[in-house]
C-alpha atoms as a PDB file:
ATOM      1  CA  UNK A   1       0.000   0.000   0.000  1.00  0.00           C
ATOM      2  CA  UNK A   2       1.333   3.392  -0.915  1.00  0.00           C
ATOM      3  CA  UNK A   3       2.396   5.530   2.022  1.00  0.00           C
ATOM      4  CA  UNK A   4      -0.002   8.385   2.734  1.00  0.00           C
ATOM      5  CA  UNK A   5       1.320  11.885   2.168  1.00  0.00           C
ATOM      6  CA  UNK A   6       2.358  13.358   5.524  1.00  0.00           C
ATOM      7  CA  UNK A   7       2.248  17.167   5.405  1.00  0.00           C
ATOM      8  CA  UNK A   8       4.955  17.261   8.085  1.00  0.00           C
ATOM      9  CA  UNK A   9       7.516  15.620   5.792  1.00  0.00           C
ATOM     10  CA  UNK A  10       9.476  17.226   2.987  1.00  0.00           C
ATOM     11  CA  UNK A  11       7.339  17.375  -0.126  1.00  0.00           C
ATOM     12  CA  UNK A  12      10.455  17.696  -2.270  1.00  0.00           C
ATOM     13  CA  UNK A  13      11.872  14.505  -0.730  1.00  0.00           C
ATOM     14  CA  UNK A  14       8.564  12.713  -1.253  1.00  0.00           C
ATOM     15  CA  UNK A  15       8.497  13.857  -4.876  1.00  0.00           C
ATOM     16  CA  UNK A  16      12.066  12.649  -5.399  1.00  0.00           C
ATOM     17  CA  UNK A  17      11.363   9.297  -3.777  1.00  0.00           C
ATOM     18  CA  UNK A  18       8.319   8.704  -5.969  1.00  0.00           C
ATOM     19  CA  UNK A  19      10.214   9.809  -9.045  1.00  0.00           C
ATOM     20  CA  UNK A  20      13.027   7.350  -8.345  1.00  0.00           C
ATOM     21  CA  UNK A  21      10.603   4.453  -7.734  1.00  0.00           C
ATOM     22  CA  UNK A  22       8.779   5.185 -10.960  1.00  0.00           C
ATOM     23  CA  UNK A  23      12.041   5.390 -12.893  1.00  0.00           C
ATOM     24  CA  UNK A  24      13.382   2.121 -11.465  1.00  0.00           C
ATOM     25  CA  UNK A  25      10.059   0.366 -12.091  1.00  0.00           C
ATOM     26  CA  UNK A  26      10.245   1.507 -15.721  1.00  0.00           C
ATOM     27  CA  UNK A  27      13.778   0.115 -16.007  1.00  0.00           C
ATOM     28  CA  UNK A  28      15.255   3.487 -17.015  1.00  0.00           C
ATOM     29  CA  UNK A  29      18.441   5.274 -16.034  1.00  0.00           C
ATOM     30  CA  UNK A  30      18.588   8.917 -15.002  1.00  0.00           C
ATOM     31  CA  UNK A  31      20.150   9.738 -18.357  1.00  0.00           C
ATOM     32  CA  UNK A  32      17.343   7.984 -20.230  1.00  0.00           C
ATOM     33  CA  UNK A  33      14.649   9.794 -18.247  1.00  0.00           C
ATOM     34  CA  UNK A  34      16.517  13.047 -18.816  1.00  0.00           C
ATOM     35  CA  UNK A  35      16.519  12.426 -22.553  1.00  0.00           C
ATOM     36  CA  UNK A  36      12.773  11.772 -22.528  1.00  0.00           C
ATOM     37  CA  UNK A  37      12.186  14.994 -20.588  1.00  0.00           C
ATOM     38  CA  UNK A  38      14.774  16.994 -22.588  1.00  0.00           C
ATOM     39  CA  UNK A  39      16.916  17.781 -19.526  1.00  0.00           C
ATOM     40  CA  UNK A  40      20.382  16.622 -18.478  1.00  0.00           C
ATOM     41  CA  UNK A  41      20.687  13.527 -16.287  1.00  0.00           C
ATOM     42  CA  UNK A  42      22.038  15.601 -13.393  1.00  0.00           C
ATOM     43  CA  UNK A  43      18.683  17.416 -13.259  1.00  0.00           C
ATOM     44  CA  UNK A  44      16.913  14.100 -12.666  1.00  0.00           C
ATOM     45  CA  UNK A  45      19.472  13.251  -9.995  1.00  0.00           C
ATOM     46  CA  UNK A  46      18.795  16.581  -8.275  1.00  0.00           C
ATOM     47  CA  UNK A  47      15.072  15.941  -8.241  1.00  0.00           C
ATOM     48  CA  UNK A  48      15.495  12.444  -6.824  1.00  0.00           C
ATOM     49  CA  UNK A  49      17.774  13.785  -4.063  1.00  0.00           C
ATOM     50  CA  UNK A  50      15.562  16.854  -3.447  1.00  0.00           C
ATOM     51  CA  UNK A  51      18.419  19.222  -4.179  1.00  0.00           C
ATOM     52  CA  UNK A  52      18.703  22.151  -6.561  1.00  0.00           C
ATOM     53  CA  UNK A  53      15.758  24.002  -8.042  1.00  0.00           C
ATOM     54  CA  UNK A  54      12.257  22.653  -7.584  1.00  0.00           C
ATOM     55  CA  UNK A  55      10.638  21.062 -10.678  1.00  0.00           C
ATOM     56  CA  UNK A  56       8.587  23.249 -12.954  1.00  0.00           C
ATOM     57  CA  UNK A  57       5.018  22.276 -13.743  1.00  0.00           C
ATOM     58  CA  UNK A  58       5.969  21.664 -17.387  1.00  0.00           C
ATOM     59  CA  UNK A  59       8.778  19.274 -16.396  1.00  0.00           C
ATOM     60  CA  UNK A  60       6.509  17.526 -13.897  1.00  0.00           C
ATOM     61  CA  UNK A  61       3.880  16.933 -16.563  1.00  0.00           C
ATOM     62  CA  UNK A  62       6.458  15.414 -18.922  1.00  0.00           C
ATOM     63  CA  UNK A  63       7.877  13.141 -16.216  1.00  0.00           C
ATOM     64  CA  UNK A  64       4.397  12.074 -15.150  1.00  0.00           C
ATOM     65  CA  UNK A  65       3.510  11.162 -18.724  1.00  0.00           C
ATOM     66  CA  UNK A  66       6.748   9.390 -19.641  1.00  0.00           C
ATOM     67  CA  UNK A  67       6.819   7.360 -16.397  1.00  0.00           C
ATOM     68  CA  UNK A  68       3.089   6.592 -16.582  1.00  0.00           C
ATOM     69  CA  UNK A  69       2.593   8.030 -13.091  1.00  0.00           C
ATOM     70  CA  UNK A  70      -1.176   8.510 -13.504  1.00  0.00           C
ATOM     71  CA  UNK A  71      -0.842  12.157 -12.374  1.00  0.00           C
ATOM     72  CA  UNK A  72       0.830  11.224  -9.086  1.00  0.00           C
ATOM     73  CA  UNK A  73       3.712  13.635  -9.707  1.00  0.00           C
ATOM     74  CA  UNK A  74       1.318  16.332 -10.921  1.00  0.00           C
ATOM     75  CA  UNK A  75      -0.706  15.973  -7.716  1.00  0.00           C
ATOM     76  CA  UNK A  76       2.446  16.349  -5.622  1.00  0.00           C
ATOM     77  CA  UNK A  77       3.784  19.363  -7.522  1.00  0.00           C
ATOM     78  CA  UNK A  78       1.715  22.125  -5.830  1.00  0.00           C
ATOM     79  CA  UNK A  79       2.941  20.951  -2.417  1.00  0.00           C
ATOM     80  CA  UNK A  80       6.547  20.854  -3.587  1.00  0.00           C
ATOM     81  CA  UNK A  81       6.231  24.332  -5.085  1.00  0.00           C
ATOM     82  CA  UNK A  82       4.533  25.744  -1.995  1.00  0.00           C
ATOM     83  CA  UNK A  83       7.267  24.285   0.192  1.00  0.00           C
ATOM     84  CA  UNK A  84       9.871  26.273  -1.733  1.00  0.00           C
ATOM     85  CA  UNK A  85       8.396  29.563  -0.461  1.00  0.00           C
ATOM     86  CA  UNK A  86       6.926  30.297   2.987  1.00  0.00           C
ATOM     87  CA  UNK A  87       3.145  30.654   2.799  1.00  0.00           C
ATOM     88  CA  UNK A  88       2.560  34.114   4.239  1.00  0.00           C
ATOM     89  CA  UNK A  89      -0.858  34.596   2.658  1.00  0.00           C
ATOM     90  CA  UNK A  90      -2.834  34.157   5.873  1.00  0.00           C
ATOM     91  CA  UNK A  91      -0.667  36.674   7.725  1.00  0.00           C
ATOM     92  CA  UNK A  92      -0.967  39.107   4.810  1.00  0.00           C
ATOM     93  CA  UNK A  93      -4.776  38.818   4.788  1.00  0.00           C
ATOM     94  CA  UNK A  94      -4.823  39.442   8.538  1.00  0.00           C
ATOM     95  CA  UNK A  95      -2.694  42.563   8.140  1.00  0.00           C
ATOM     96  CA  UNK A  96      -4.851  43.768   5.223  1.00  0.00           C
ATOM     97  CA  UNK A  97      -8.012  43.467   7.314  1.00  0.00           C
ATOM     98  CA  UNK A  98      -6.582  46.012   9.783  1.00  0.00           C
ATOM     99  CA  UNK A  99      -4.618  48.289   7.442  1.00  0.00           C
ATOM    100  CA  UNK A 100      -5.467  51.992   7.354  1.00  0.00           C
ATOM    101  CA  UNK A 101      -3.999  52.313   3.862  1.00  0.00           C
ATOM    102  CA  UNK A 102      -3.332  49.768   1.113  1.00  0.00           C
ATOM    103  CA  UNK A 103      -0.947  50.698  -1.672  1.00  0.00           C
ATOM    104  CA  UNK A 104      -0.627  48.082  -4.374  1.00  0.00           C
ATOM    105  CA  UNK A 105       1.140  47.653  -7.697  1.00  0.00           C
ATOM    106  CA  UNK A 106      -0.528  44.903  -9.752  1.00  0.00           C
ATOM    107  CA  UNK A 107       1.623  43.484 -12.510  1.00  0.00           C
ATOM    108  CA  UNK A 108      -0.566  40.737 -14.005  1.00  0.00           C
ATOM    109  CA  UNK A 109      -4.179  40.934 -12.844  1.00  0.00           C
ATOM    110  CA  UNK A 110      -6.685  43.259 -11.221  1.00  0.00           C
ATOM    111  CA  UNK A 111      -6.216  43.147  -7.425  1.00  0.00           C
ATOM    112  CA  UNK A 112      -8.693  40.976  -5.535  1.00  0.00           C
ATOM    113  CA  UNK A 113     -10.253  43.949  -3.750  1.00  0.00           C
ATOM    114  CA  UNK A 114     -11.436  45.355  -7.088  1.00  0.00           C
ATOM    115  CA  UNK A 115     -12.344  42.177  -8.970  1.00  0.00           C
ATOM    116  CA  UNK A 116     -15.824  41.406 -10.254  1.00  0.00           C
ATOM    117  CA  UNK A 117     -17.188  37.944  -9.352  1.00  0.00           C
ATOM    118  CA  UNK A 118     -16.859  36.834 -12.995  1.00  0.00           C
ATOM    119  CA  UNK A 119     -13.268  38.030 -13.287  1.00  0.00           C
ATOM    120  CA  UNK A 120     -12.344  36.475  -9.939  1.00  0.00           C
ATOM    121  CA  UNK A 121     -13.908  33.157 -10.937  1.00  0.00           C
ATOM    122  CA  UNK A 122     -12.010  33.083 -14.245  1.00  0.00           C
ATOM    123  CA  UNK A 123      -8.755  33.902 -12.473  1.00  0.00           C
ATOM    124  CA  UNK A 124      -9.179  31.428  -9.623  1.00  0.00           C
ATOM    125  CA  UNK A 125     -10.212  28.655 -12.019  1.00  0.00           C
ATOM    126  CA  UNK A 126      -6.671  28.395 -13.418  1.00  0.00           C
ATOM    127  CA  UNK A 127      -4.953  28.074 -10.039  1.00  0.00           C
ATOM    128  CA  UNK A 128      -2.586  25.114  -9.751  1.00  0.00           C
ATOM    129  CA  UNK A 129      -3.691  24.432  -6.173  1.00  0.00           C
ATOM    130  CA  UNK A 130      -7.406  24.296  -6.985  1.00  0.00           C
ATOM    131  CA  UNK A 131      -8.838  20.968  -5.819  1.00  0.00           C
ATOM    132  CA  UNK A 132     -12.378  20.909  -7.143  1.00  0.00           C
ATOM    133  CA  UNK A 133     -15.506  22.969  -7.856  1.00  0.00           C
ATOM    134  CA  UNK A 134     -16.336  23.272  -4.163  1.00  0.00           C
ATOM    135  CA  UNK A 135     -12.859  24.590  -3.410  1.00  0.00           C
ATOM    136  CA  UNK A 136     -13.320  27.173  -6.167  1.00  0.00           C
ATOM    137  CA  UNK A 137     -16.552  28.412  -4.616  1.00  0.00           C
ATOM    138  CA  UNK A 138     -14.898  28.657  -1.188  1.00  0.00           C
ATOM    139  CA  UNK A 139     -12.005  30.718  -2.551  1.00  0.00           C
ATOM    140  CA  UNK A 140     -14.342  32.927  -4.566  1.00  0.00           C
ATOM    141  CA  UNK A 141     -16.560  33.632  -1.559  1.00  0.00           C
ATOM    142  CA  UNK A 142     -13.546  34.463   0.598  1.00  0.00           C
ATOM    143  CA  UNK A 143     -12.196  36.889  -1.998  1.00  0.00           C
ATOM    144  CA  UNK A 144     -15.502  38.688  -2.432  1.00  0.00           C
ATOM    145  CA  UNK A 145     -16.041  38.855   1.332  1.00  0.00           C
ATOM    146  CA  UNK A 146     -12.819  40.845   1.696  1.00  0.00           C
ATOM    147  CA  UNK A 147     -14.204  43.518  -0.627  1.00  0.00           C
ATOM    148  CA  UNK A 148     -16.901  44.471   1.892  1.00  0.00           C
ATOM    149  CA  UNK A 149     -14.360  46.455   3.877  1.00  0.00           C
ATOM    150  CA  UNK A 150     -13.974  48.975   1.049  1.00  0.00           C
ATOM    151  CA  UNK A 151     -17.465  50.305   1.771  1.00  0.00           C
ATOM    152  CA  UNK A 152     -17.519  49.799   5.546  1.00  0.00           C
ATOM    153  CA  UNK A 153     -17.057  52.396   8.268  1.00  0.00           C
ATOM    154  CA  UNK A 154     -13.359  51.555   8.680  1.00  0.00           C
ATOM    155  CA  UNK A 155     -12.648  51.450   4.955  1.00  0.00           C
ATOM    156  CA  UNK A 156      -8.965  51.907   4.133  1.00  0.00           C
ATOM    157  CA  UNK A 157      -7.399  54.321   1.701  1.00  0.00           C
ATOM    158  CA  UNK A 158      -6.788  52.217  -1.416  1.00  0.00           C
ATOM    159  CA  UNK A 159      -4.198  53.333  -3.972  1.00  0.00           C
ATOM    160  CA  UNK A 160      -3.793  50.935  -6.892  1.00  0.00           C
ATOM    161  CA  UNK A 161      -1.240  51.072  -9.703  1.00  0.00           C
ATOM    162  CA  UNK A 162      -2.151  48.767 -12.579  1.00  0.00           C
ATOM    163  CA  UNK A 163       0.398  47.697 -15.135  1.00  0.00           C
ATOM    164  CA  UNK A 164      -1.025  48.306 -18.618  1.00  0.00           C
ATOM    165  CA  UNK A 165      -0.792  44.541 -19.173  1.00  0.00           C
ATOM    166  CA  UNK A 166      -3.586  44.119 -16.613  1.00  0.00           C
ATOM    167  CA  UNK A 167      -5.928  46.060 -18.898  1.00  0.00           C
ATOM    168  CA  UNK A 168      -4.884  44.262 -22.066  1.00  0.00           C
ATOM    169  CA  UNK A 169      -4.897  40.644 -20.837  1.00  0.00           C
ATOM    170  CA  UNK A 170      -8.367  39.178 -21.638  1.00  0.00           C
ATOM    171  CA  UNK A 171      -9.109  37.218 -18.482  1.00  0.00           C
ATOM    172  CA  UNK A 172     -12.397  35.347 -18.927  1.00  0.00           C
ATOM    173  CA  UNK A 173     -13.148  36.807 -22.366  1.00  0.00           C
ATOM    174  CA  UNK A 174     -14.394  40.150 -23.653  1.00  0.00           C
ATOM    175  CA  UNK A 175     -17.640  40.269 -21.676  1.00  0.00           C
ATOM    176  CA  UNK A 176     -15.865  39.569 -18.384  1.00  0.00           C
ATOM    177  CA  UNK A 177     -13.169  42.127 -19.137  1.00  0.00           C
ATOM    178  CA  UNK A 178     -15.753  44.710 -20.108  1.00  0.00           C
ATOM    179  CA  UNK A 179     -17.491  44.298 -16.773  1.00  0.00           C
ATOM    180  CA  UNK A 180     -14.178  44.391 -14.925  1.00  0.00           C
ATOM    181  CA  UNK A 181     -12.970  47.605 -16.552  1.00  0.00           C
ATOM    182  CA  UNK A 182     -16.348  49.211 -15.943  1.00  0.00           C
ATOM    183  CA  UNK A 183     -16.043  48.312 -12.262  1.00  0.00           C
ATOM    184  CA  UNK A 184     -12.594  49.916 -12.117  1.00  0.00           C
ATOM    185  CA  UNK A 185     -14.098  53.147 -13.454  1.00  0.00           C
ATOM    186  CA  UNK A 186     -16.906  52.994 -10.902  1.00  0.00           C
ATOM    187  CA  UNK A 187     -14.603  52.251  -7.982  1.00  0.00           C
ATOM    188  CA  UNK A 188     -12.325  55.139  -8.956  1.00  0.00           C
ATOM    189  CA  UNK A 189     -15.236  57.457  -8.136  1.00  0.00           C
ATOM    190  CA  UNK A 190     -15.088  56.395  -4.477  1.00  0.00           C
ATOM    191  CA  UNK A 191     -13.322  58.986  -2.284  1.00  0.00           C
ATOM    192  CA  UNK A 192     -11.018  56.398  -0.731  1.00  0.00           C
ATOM    193  CA  UNK A 193      -9.936  54.766  -4.023  1.00  0.00           C
ATOM    194  CA  UNK A 194      -7.251  56.038  -6.411  1.00  0.00           C
ATOM    195  CA  UNK A 195      -6.265  54.152  -9.562  1.00  0.00           C
ATOM    196  CA  UNK A 196      -3.246  54.805 -11.763  1.00  0.00           C
ATOM    197  CA  UNK A 197      -1.975  52.939 -14.815  1.00  0.00           C
ATOM    198  CA  UNK A 198       1.697  52.286 -15.503  1.00  0.00           C
ATOM    199  CA  UNK A 199       1.979  52.342 -19.313  1.00  0.00           C
ATOM    200  CA  UNK A 200       4.186  50.011 -21.326  1.00  0.00           C
ATOM    201  CA  UNK A 201       6.350  52.865 -22.587  1.00  0.00           C
ATOM    202  CA  UNK A 202       7.798  53.435 -19.115  1.00  0.00           C
ATOM    203  CA  UNK A 203       9.984  50.374 -19.677  1.00  0.00           C
ATOM    204  CA  UNK A 204      11.895  48.628 -16.894  1.00  0.00           C
ATOM    205  CA  UNK A 205      11.191  49.337 -13.233  1.00  0.00           C
ATOM    206  CA  UNK A 206      11.901  47.980  -9.769  1.00  0.00           C
ATOM    207  CA  UNK A 207       8.970  45.561  -9.542  1.00  0.00           C
ATOM    208  CA  UNK A 208       9.115  43.690 -12.837  1.00  0.00           C
ATOM    209  CA  UNK A 209       9.247  40.359 -11.019  1.00  0.00           C
ATOM    210  CA  UNK A 210       5.710  40.550  -9.656  1.00  0.00           C
ATOM    211  CA  UNK A 211       3.190  42.507  -7.642  1.00  0.00           C
ATOM    212  CA  UNK A 212       3.969  44.679  -4.636  1.00  0.00           C
ATOM    213  CA  UNK A 213       1.743  45.787  -1.743  1.00  0.00           C
ATOM    214  CA  UNK A 214       2.595  48.187   1.067  1.00  0.00           C
ATOM    215  CA  UNK A 215       0.227  48.158   4.049  1.00  0.00           C
ATOM    216  CA  UNK A 216       0.099  51.079   6.456  1.00  0.00           C
ATOM    217  CA  UNK A 217      -1.223  49.978   9.832  1.00  0.00           C
ATOM    218  CA  UNK A 218      -3.300  52.170  12.192  1.00  0.00           C
ATOM    219  CA  UNK A 219      -0.218  52.876  14.347  1.00  0.00           C
ATOM    220  CA  UNK A 220       1.755  54.066  11.308  1.00  0.00           C
ATOM    221  CA  UNK A 221       3.962  50.992  10.929  1.00  0.00           C
ATOM    222  CA  UNK A 222       4.303  49.498   7.467  1.00  0.00           C
ATOM    223  CA  UNK A 223       4.662  45.985   6.085  1.00  0.00           C
ATOM    224  CA  UNK A 224       5.338  44.917   2.509  1.00  0.00           C
ATOM    225  CA  UNK A 225       4.133  41.934   0.550  1.00  0.00           C
ATOM    226  CA  UNK A 226       5.590  40.759  -2.754  1.00  0.00           C
ATOM    227  CA  UNK A 227       3.897  38.136  -4.872  1.00  0.00           C
ATOM    228  CA  UNK A 228       4.702  36.108  -7.971  1.00  0.00           C
ATOM    229  CA  UNK A 229       2.845  33.395  -9.822  1.00  0.00           C
ATOM    230  CA  UNK A 230       3.374  30.724  -7.146  1.00  0.00           C
ATOM    231  CA  UNK A 231       4.660  32.462  -4.040  1.00  0.00           C
ATOM    232  CA  UNK A 232       4.145  35.307  -1.616  1.00  0.00           C
ATOM    233  CA  UNK A 233       6.603  36.931   0.787  1.00  0.00           C
ATOM    234  CA  UNK A 234       5.657  39.131   3.720  1.00  0.00           C
ATOM    235  CA  UNK A 235       8.320  41.572   4.928  1.00  0.00           C
ATOM    236  CA  UNK A 236       8.165  43.280   8.316  1.00  0.00           C
ATOM    237  CA  UNK A 237      11.787  44.357   8.831  1.00  0.00           C
ATOM    238  CA  UNK A 238      11.703  48.209   8.753  1.00  0.00           C
ATOM    239  CA  UNK A 239      14.825  48.638   6.607  1.00  0.00           C
ATOM    240  CA  UNK A 240      13.580  46.157   4.003  1.00  0.00           C
ATOM    241  CA  UNK A 241      10.088  47.620   4.039  1.00  0.00           C
ATOM    242  CA  UNK A 242      11.550  51.062   3.397  1.00  0.00           C
ATOM    243  CA  UNK A 243      13.140  49.767   0.170  1.00  0.00           C
ATOM    244  CA  UNK A 244       9.764  48.524  -1.028  1.00  0.00           C
ATOM    245  CA  UNK A 245       8.128  51.827  -0.077  1.00  0.00           C
ATOM    246  CA  UNK A 246      10.712  53.638  -2.216  1.00  0.00           C
ATOM    247  CA  UNK A 247      10.051  51.248  -5.101  1.00  0.00           C
ATOM    248  CA  UNK A 248       6.324  51.894  -4.829  1.00  0.00           C
ATOM    249  CA  UNK A 249       6.827  55.665  -4.753  1.00  0.00           C
ATOM    250  CA  UNK A 250       8.931  55.389  -7.907  1.00  0.00           C
ATOM    251  CA  UNK A 251       6.185  53.369  -9.613  1.00  0.00           C
ATOM    252  CA  UNK A 252       3.620  55.971  -8.592  1.00  0.00           C
ATOM    253  CA  UNK A 253       5.771  58.705 -10.132  1.00  0.00           C
ATOM    254  CA  UNK A 254       6.182  56.717 -13.372  1.00  0.00           C
ATOM    255  CA  UNK A 255       2.463  55.967 -13.702  1.00  0.00           C
ATOM    256  CA  UNK A 256      -0.042  58.181 -15.471  1.00  0.00           C
ATOM    257  CA  UNK A 257      -1.908  60.699 -13.261  1.00  0.00           C
ATOM    258  CA  UNK A 258      -5.292  59.426 -12.061  1.00  0.00           C
ATOM    259  CA  UNK A 259      -7.421  61.308 -14.620  1.00  0.00           C
ATOM    260  CA  UNK A 260      -5.204  60.221 -17.526  1.00  0.00           C
ATOM    261  CA  UNK A 261      -5.229  56.677 -16.149  1.00  0.00           C
ATOM    262  CA  UNK A 262      -9.021  56.558 -16.189  1.00  0.00           C
ATOM    263  CA  UNK A 263      -9.005  57.926 -19.735  1.00  0.00           C
ATOM    264  CA  UNK A 264      -6.703  55.062 -20.764  1.00  0.00           C
ATOM    265  CA  UNK A 265      -8.984  52.510 -19.087  1.00  0.00           C
ATOM    266  CA  UNK A 266     -11.960  53.939 -21.015  1.00  0.00           C
ATOM    267  CA  UNK A 267      -9.955  53.822 -24.236  1.00  0.00           C
ATOM    268  CA  UNK A 268      -9.038  50.157 -23.734  1.00  0.00           C
ATOM    269  CA  UNK A 269     -12.624  49.358 -22.773  1.00  0.00           C
ATOM    270  CA  UNK A 270     -13.944  50.873 -25.985  1.00  0.00           C
ATOM    271  CA  UNK A 271     -11.219  49.637 -28.318  1.00  0.00           C
ATOM    272  CA  UNK A 272     -10.627  46.104 -27.022  1.00  0.00           C
ATOM    273  CA  UNK A 273     -13.691  45.001 -25.084  1.00  0.00           C
ATOM    274  CA  UNK A 274     -16.691  46.876 -26.504  1.00  0.00           C
ATOM    275  CA  UNK A 275     -19.966  45.020 -26.929  1.00  0.00           C
ATOM    276  CA  UNK A 276     -20.381  43.414 -30.333  1.00  0.00           C
ATOM    277  CA  UNK A 277     -23.464  45.548 -31.077  1.00  0.00           C
ATOM    278  CA  UNK A 278     -21.750  48.831 -30.226  1.00  0.00           C
ATOM    279  CA  UNK A 279     -19.510  50.291 -32.960  1.00  0.00           C
ATOM    280  CA  UNK A 280     -16.203  51.816 -31.937  1.00  0.00           C
ATOM    281  CA  UNK A 281     -15.565  55.559 -32.064  1.00  0.00           C
ATOM    282  CA  UNK A 282     -13.559  55.207 -35.292  1.00  0.00           C
ATOM    283  CA  UNK A 283     -16.353  53.079 -36.804  1.00  0.00           C
ATOM    284  CA  UNK A 284     -18.937  55.708 -35.873  1.00  0.00           C
ATOM    285  CA  UNK A 285     -16.804  58.476 -37.371  1.00  0.00           C
ATOM    286  CA  UNK A 286     -16.275  56.513 -40.590  1.00  0.00           C
ATOM    287  CA  UNK A 287     -20.013  55.767 -40.854  1.00  0.00           C
ATOM    288  CA  UNK A 288     -20.864  59.424 -40.375  1.00  0.00           C
ATOM    289  CA  UNK A 289     -18.428  60.433 -43.120  1.00  0.00           C
ATOM    290  CA  UNK A 290     -19.925  57.861 -45.473  1.00  0.00           C
ATOM    291  CA  UNK A 291     -23.414  59.163 -44.799  1.00  0.00           C
ATOM    292  CA  UNK A 292     -22.369  62.745 -45.475  1.00  0.00           C
ATOM    293  CA  UNK A 293     -20.776  61.704 -48.770  1.00  0.00           C
ATOM    294  CA  UNK A 294     -23.941  60.001 -50.021  1.00  0.00           C
ATOM    295  CA  UNK A 295     -26.081  61.877 -52.618  1.00  0.00           C
ATOM    296  CA  UNK A 296     -28.565  64.113 -50.854  1.00  0.00           C
ATOM    297  CA  UNK A 297     -26.660  63.879 -47.593  1.00  0.00           C
ATOM    298  CA  UNK A 298     -27.627  66.577 -45.166  1.00  0.00           C
ATOM    299  CA  UNK A 299     -25.594  68.465 -42.620  1.00  0.00           C
ATOM    300  CA  UNK A 300     -26.182  67.264 -39.057  1.00  0.00           C
ATOM    301  CA  UNK A 301     -26.705  69.326 -35.952  1.00  0.00           C
ATOM    302  CA  UNK A 302     -24.297  68.768 -33.097  1.00  0.00           C
ATOM    303  CA  UNK A 303     -27.087  67.006 -31.204  1.00  0.00           C
ATOM    304  CA  UNK A 304     -27.835  64.635 -34.070  1.00  0.00           C
ATOM    305  CA  UNK A 305     -30.914  66.321 -35.598  1.00  0.00           C
ATOM    306  CA  UNK A 306     -31.036  67.421 -39.208  1.00  0.00           C
ATOM    307  CA  UNK A 307     -30.709  71.079 -40.156  1.00  0.00           C
ATOM    308  CA  UNK A 308     -33.708  71.745 -42.442  1.00  0.00           C
ATOM    309  CA  UNK A 309     -33.030  72.991 -45.953  1.00  0.00           C
ATOM    310  CA  UNK A 310     -34.184  76.452 -46.852  1.00  0.00           C
ATOM    311  CA  UNK A 311     -37.061  76.324 -49.277  1.00  0.00           C
ATOM    312  CA  UNK A 312     -36.743  78.337 -52.504  1.00  0.00           C
ATOM    313  CA  UNK A 313     -38.007  81.825 -51.992  1.00  0.00           C
ATOM    314  CA  UNK A 314     -38.056  81.507 -48.213  1.00  0.00           C
END
């Protein structure tokens, strides 16, 4: 009987042990498995000994397929990946619930506090750690519950900087993105919410590796949280936090001013995610020009009504 996974043991060691057993059962050497997975044999040796870099999801999928593991290695991978980075998410959520001010730079997706249910569902559905449909509903409910604080009596000051990529990446399809961008415009009208956009043409900056959040607590202390695709890191050391605060201030200076940022969001909404039945501004302009060029075309009032022709002798 296979040994049950003990969460107190090393997931990397468990992964390596299972990998070695599968390889030996298949009668393959490390070099042969490496050739099948398009990596050097020493990489397979590292994985079996739980040394070196953790396996990527792509490599895990190849190994699982070639060794006929029936998704055993794929099932283990999220635990191995999570083990590589301390899971500070619960501590971060606890800090966020008490923060007087939340300053966030979002590099890949709209921050959870501003997500629509449809956008959040589409985003959470692709998580590597998602277990099943019930787990998805639990995570979705938890994310939406945290948004209630934005309209409560102790609502924090929320200052969001969105990378332009956040606006352009079609999470969930056009309809979902349309609703999400419209919500951003609505939320920007709230007195405690400020939204800026960092355009592509600003080039390299100090937070290219992922998202950054600075939380200001009621007593004035600050904590920082950095996040990538599969990890999160909470920082409380004052000197380190100060470096992240400086990085955030630099991002804020590089970003478009709030009014220009909202204009860019509206532009992307109209150009990239407009409803199929609504023509774009350029389409409307071209149609108007075509109508004016038609025989008998009449001049239009600014409000859309026709200017009547003068009758002969009038």
